[in-house]
Amino acid sequence: MGINTESDITANIQIGPTDLGMVRIFVEADGIEIPMDFDPEEADEIAEEIKAAAIAARALKTG
């Protein structure tokens, strides 16, 4: 499955700080739980990538 492959899988995502000073992205789908911890600098980089992808997606929709 690639980034452009559509799927009928639904998932929940939660994002927040942990008590150890990490940022956790927690994904739950079909009974599977995936906790992913990042240091704050990595989380900033992920946030920048998400914003860049949103900008690119908007450009595709309006182009």
N, C-alpha and C. Protein backbone atom coordinates (compact mmCIF):
# COMPACT_ATOMS: atom_id res chain seq x y z
N MET A 1 0.85 -1.17 0.00
CA MET A 1 0.00 0.00 0.00
C MET A 1 0.89 1.23 0.00
N GLY A 2 0.64 2.14 -0.91
CA GLY A 2 1.41 3.36 -1.00
C GLY A 2 0.62 4.57 -0.52
N ILE A 3 1.24 5.70 -0.58
CA ILE A 3 0.62 6.93 -0.08
C ILE A 3 -0.62 7.32 -0.88
N ASN A 4 -0.69 6.92 -2.15
CA ASN A 4 -1.84 7.27 -2.99
C ASN A 4 -2.87 6.16 -3.09
N THR A 5 -2.70 5.08 -2.35
CA THR A 5 -3.65 3.97 -2.38
C THR A 5 -4.77 4.24 -1.38
N GLU A 6 -6.02 4.25 -1.88
CA GLU A 6 -7.16 4.47 -0.99
C GLU A 6 -7.43 3.23 -0.18
N SER A 7 -8.06 3.42 0.99
CA SER A 7 -8.34 2.31 1.90
C SER A 7 -9.66 2.56 2.62
N ASP A 8 -10.33 1.48 3.00
CA ASP A 8 -11.56 1.57 3.78
C ASP A 8 -11.29 1.45 5.28
N ILE A 9 -10.03 1.37 5.67
CA ILE A 9 -9.68 1.26 7.08
C ILE A 9 -9.91 2.59 7.77
N THR A 10 -10.59 2.56 8.89
CA THR A 10 -10.75 3.77 9.68
C THR A 10 -9.85 3.67 10.91
N ALA A 11 -9.35 4.80 11.32
CA ALA A 11 -8.43 4.83 12.45
C ALA A 11 -8.67 6.09 13.27
N ASN A 12 -8.31 6.01 14.52
CA ASN A 12 -8.34 7.17 15.41
C ASN A 12 -6.91 7.57 15.70
N ILE A 13 -6.69 8.87 15.81
CA ILE A 13 -5.35 9.36 16.12
C ILE A 13 -5.45 10.35 17.28
N GLN A 14 -4.52 10.22 18.20
CA GLN A 14 -4.41 11.15 19.32
C GLN A 14 -2.96 11.63 19.35
N ILE A 15 -2.79 12.90 19.66
CA ILE A 15 -1.44 13.47 19.74
C ILE A 15 -1.35 14.27 21.03
N GLY A 16 -0.29 14.04 21.79
CA GLY A 16 -0.12 14.79 23.02
C GLY A 16 1.23 14.52 23.67
N PRO A 17 1.53 15.28 24.72
CA PRO A 17 2.80 15.09 25.42
C PRO A 17 2.72 13.92 26.39
N THR A 18 3.86 13.27 26.60
CA THR A 18 3.93 12.21 27.62
C THR A 18 4.54 12.81 28.88
N ASP A 19 4.47 12.06 29.96
CA ASP A 19 5.04 12.54 31.21
C ASP A 19 6.57 12.48 31.22
N LEU A 20 7.15 11.93 30.14
CA LEU A 20 8.61 11.89 30.02
C LEU A 20 9.15 12.97 29.08
N GLY A 21 8.28 13.91 28.68
CA GLY A 21 8.72 15.02 27.83
C GLY A 21 8.80 14.68 26.35
N MET A 22 8.14 13.61 25.94
CA MET A 22 8.10 13.23 24.54
C MET A 22 6.74 13.63 23.96
N VAL A 23 6.64 13.63 22.65
CA VAL A 23 5.36 13.85 21.98
C VAL A 23 4.92 12.49 21.44
N ARG A 24 3.73 12.07 21.81
CA ARG A 24 3.23 10.77 21.37
C ARG A 24 2.15 10.96 20.32
N ILE A 25 2.30 10.23 19.21
CA ILE A 25 1.24 10.06 18.23
C ILE A 25 0.73 8.65 18.45
N PHE A 26 -0.54 8.55 18.79
CA PHE A 26 -1.14 7.26 19.13
C PHE A 26 -2.21 6.95 18.09
N VAL A 27 -2.03 5.85 17.36
CA VAL A 27 -2.97 5.45 16.31
C VAL A 27 -3.62 4.14 16.72
N GLU A 28 -4.94 4.10 16.57
CA GLU A 28 -5.70 2.89 16.87
C GLU A 28 -6.58 2.56 15.68
N ALA A 29 -6.50 1.30 15.20
CA ALA A 29 -7.32 0.85 14.08
C ALA A 29 -7.53 -0.65 14.18
N ASP A 30 -8.77 -1.06 14.05
CA ASP A 30 -9.11 -2.49 14.03
C ASP A 30 -8.47 -3.26 15.18
N GLY A 31 -8.50 -2.70 16.37
CA GLY A 31 -7.97 -3.39 17.54
C GLY A 31 -6.46 -3.33 17.70
N ILE A 32 -5.79 -2.64 16.80
CA ILE A 32 -4.34 -2.49 16.88
C ILE A 32 -4.02 -1.10 17.41
N GLU A 33 -3.13 -1.01 18.37
CA GLU A 33 -2.72 0.27 18.92
C GLU A 33 -1.24 0.50 18.61
N ILE A 34 -0.92 1.68 18.06
CA ILE A 34 0.46 1.99 17.71
C ILE A 34 0.85 3.30 18.39
N PRO A 35 1.61 3.22 19.48
CA PRO A 35 2.13 4.44 20.11
C PRO A 35 3.49 4.77 19.50
N MET A 36 3.65 6.00 19.06
CA MET A 36 4.93 6.44 18.49
C MET A 36 5.38 7.68 19.25
N ASP A 37 6.55 7.60 19.89
CA ASP A 37 7.07 8.71 20.68
C ASP A 37 8.20 9.41 19.93
N PHE A 38 8.18 10.74 20.01
CA PHE A 38 9.18 11.57 19.34
C PHE A 38 9.66 12.63 20.31
N ASP A 39 10.94 12.99 20.19
CA ASP A 39 11.38 14.12 21.00
C ASP A 39 10.78 15.39 20.39
N PRO A 40 10.71 16.47 21.14
CA PRO A 40 10.03 17.68 20.64
C PRO A 40 10.58 18.19 19.31
N GLU A 41 11.88 18.07 19.08
CA GLU A 41 12.46 18.54 17.82
C GLU A 41 11.96 17.70 16.64
N GLU A 42 11.89 16.38 16.84
CA GLU A 42 11.34 15.51 15.80
C GLU A 42 9.87 15.83 15.54
N ALA A 43 9.13 16.10 16.60
CA ALA A 43 7.72 16.44 16.46
C ALA A 43 7.55 17.73 15.66
N ASP A 44 8.43 18.71 15.90
CA ASP A 44 8.39 19.95 15.11
C ASP A 44 8.61 19.66 13.63
N GLU A 45 9.56 18.76 13.32
CA GLU A 45 9.84 18.40 11.93
C GLU A 45 8.63 17.71 11.30
N ILE A 46 7.97 16.83 12.05
CA ILE A 46 6.78 16.15 11.54
C ILE A 46 5.67 17.17 11.27
N ALA A 47 5.50 18.11 12.19
CA ALA A 47 4.48 19.15 12.01
C ALA A 47 4.76 19.97 10.75
N GLU A 48 6.02 20.29 10.50
CA GLU A 48 6.37 21.04 9.29
C GLU A 48 6.07 20.22 8.03
N GLU A 49 6.33 18.92 8.08
CA GLU A 49 6.03 18.05 6.94
C GLU A 49 4.53 17.97 6.69
N ILE A 50 3.75 17.91 7.75
CA ILE A 50 2.29 17.87 7.61
C ILE A 50 1.79 19.17 6.99
N LYS A 51 2.31 20.30 7.47
CA LYS A 51 1.89 21.60 6.90
C LYS A 51 2.27 21.69 5.43
N ALA A 52 3.47 21.24 5.07
CA ALA A 52 3.90 21.29 3.67
C ALA A 52 3.01 20.40 2.81
N ALA A 53 2.62 19.23 3.32
CA ALA A 53 1.74 18.34 2.57
C ALA A 53 0.36 18.97 2.39
N ALA A 54 -0.13 19.66 3.42
CA ALA A 54 -1.44 20.33 3.32
C ALA A 54 -1.40 21.43 2.26
N ILE A 55 -0.31 22.18 2.22
CA ILE A 55 -0.17 23.23 1.21
C ILE A 55 -0.14 22.61 -0.18
N ALA A 56 0.60 21.53 -0.35
CA ALA A 56 0.69 20.86 -1.65
C ALA A 56 -0.67 20.28 -2.06
N ALA A 57 -1.40 19.71 -1.11
CA ALA A 57 -2.73 19.15 -1.41
C ALA A 57 -3.70 20.23 -1.84
N ARG A 58 -3.65 21.39 -1.17
CA ARG A 58 -4.51 22.51 -1.57
C ARG A 58 -4.20 22.96 -2.99
N ALA A 59 -2.92 23.01 -3.32
CA ALA A 59 -2.50 23.44 -4.66
C ALA A 59 -3.03 22.47 -5.72
N LEU A 60 -3.05 21.18 -5.41
CA LEU A 60 -3.58 20.18 -6.35
C LEU A 60 -5.08 20.34 -6.54
N LYS A 61 -5.81 20.65 -5.47
CA LYS A 61 -7.26 20.81 -5.54
C LYS A 61 -7.67 22.05 -6.34
N THR A 62 -6.91 23.13 -6.20
CA THR A 62 -7.28 24.37 -6.86
C THR A 62 -6.63 24.52 -8.24
N GLY A 63 -5.67 23.64 -8.56
CA GLY A 63 -4.92 23.75 -9.79
C GLY A 63 -5.56 23.13 -10.96
